[in-house]
Amino acid sequence: MGSFSTMHWLIVLVIVALVFGTRKLGSFGSDLGSAIKGFKDGIREAELEPVSAEKADTAKPVAALNDAQQTHATPKQ
């Protein structure tokens, strides 16, 4: 009773096709496909972009840290 059989899903599919029509379902499928493709492209760009931005962000603090260490590392006489 908790899960649907294959026959239940076929009946649901037929009802959805009758309500929305095959033309709207086809356009919905193509819109969904293009949205997923755009999402994947955005994820790929986001994965590549922070690497270069991260290198630029870490270069300045490391240089500042090195300068600070050099000024504090001078031996007292």
Protein backbone atom coordinates (compact mmCIF):
# COMPACT_ATOMS: atom_id res chain seq x y z
CA MET A 1 0.00 0.00 0.00
CA GLY A 2 2.96 2.35 0.62
CA SER A 3 4.59 2.15 -2.81
CA PHE A 4 3.15 2.54 -6.27
CA SER A 5 3.36 -0.18 -8.88
CA THR A 6 4.21 0.32 -12.53
CA MET A 7 0.53 0.32 -13.45
CA HIS A 8 -0.15 3.21 -11.05
CA TRP A 9 2.63 5.29 -12.62
CA LEU A 10 1.32 4.57 -16.14
CA ILE A 11 -2.15 5.75 -15.14
CA VAL A 12 -0.69 8.91 -13.61
CA LEU A 13 1.34 9.53 -16.79
CA VAL A 14 -1.75 9.15 -19.00
CA ILE A 15 -3.75 11.54 -16.81
CA VAL A 16 -0.95 14.13 -16.87
CA ALA A 17 -0.68 13.81 -20.67
CA LEU A 18 -4.43 14.32 -21.02
CA VAL A 19 -4.49 17.35 -18.72
CA PHE A 20 -1.45 19.18 -20.06
CA GLY A 21 -1.19 17.83 -23.58
CA THR A 22 1.89 16.45 -25.26
CA ARG A 23 2.95 19.82 -26.71
CA LYS A 24 3.19 21.48 -23.29
CA LEU A 25 4.92 18.45 -21.82
CA GLY A 26 7.49 18.56 -24.63
CA SER A 27 8.22 22.24 -24.08
CA PHE A 28 8.39 21.63 -20.33
CA GLY A 29 10.94 18.87 -20.91
CA SER A 30 13.12 21.03 -23.16
CA ASP A 31 12.94 23.95 -20.71
CA LEU A 32 13.89 21.67 -17.85
CA GLY A 33 16.80 20.26 -19.85
CA SER A 34 18.16 23.70 -20.71
CA ALA A 35 17.80 24.79 -17.07
CA ILE A 36 19.79 21.77 -15.89
CA LYS A 37 22.47 22.43 -18.52
CA GLY A 38 22.74 26.07 -17.42
CA PHE A 39 23.00 24.97 -13.78
CA LYS A 40 25.81 22.54 -14.59
CA ASP A 41 27.67 25.21 -16.58
CA GLY A 42 27.33 27.62 -13.65
CA ILE A 43 28.70 25.02 -11.25
CA ARG A 44 31.70 24.41 -13.53
CA GLU A 45 32.42 28.15 -13.73
CA ALA A 46 32.09 28.51 -9.97
CA GLU A 47 34.54 25.66 -9.40
CA LEU A 48 37.13 27.19 -11.71
CA GLU A 49 36.71 30.83 -10.70
CA PRO A 50 37.44 30.69 -6.93
CA VAL A 51 40.77 28.96 -7.51
CA SER A 52 42.22 31.97 -9.31
CA ALA A 53 40.50 34.41 -6.95
CA GLU A 54 41.74 32.45 -3.95
CA LYS A 55 45.33 32.71 -5.15
CA ALA A 56 45.00 36.47 -5.53
CA ASP A 57 43.43 36.83 -2.08
CA THR A 58 46.08 34.76 -0.33
CA ALA A 59 49.02 36.49 -1.98
CA LYS A 60 48.48 39.80 -0.17
CA PRO A 61 48.11 38.42 3.39
CA VAL A 62 51.15 36.18 2.96
CA ALA A 63 53.24 39.12 1.78
CA ALA A 64 52.00 41.23 4.69
CA LEU A 65 52.74 38.39 7.09
CA ASN A 66 56.29 38.07 5.75
CA ASP A 67 56.85 41.82 6.17
CA ALA A 68 55.53 41.70 9.72
CA GLN A 69 57.73 38.76 10.60
CA GLN A 70 60.81 40.49 9.22
CA THR A 71 60.21 43.67 11.22
CA HIS A 72 59.62 41.74 14.46
CA ALA A 73 62.45 39.29 13.90
CA THR A 74 65.24 41.85 14.18
CA PRO A 75 67.52 40.91 17.07
CA LYS A 76 67.82 43.35 19.96
CA GLN A 77 71.28 44.62 20.80
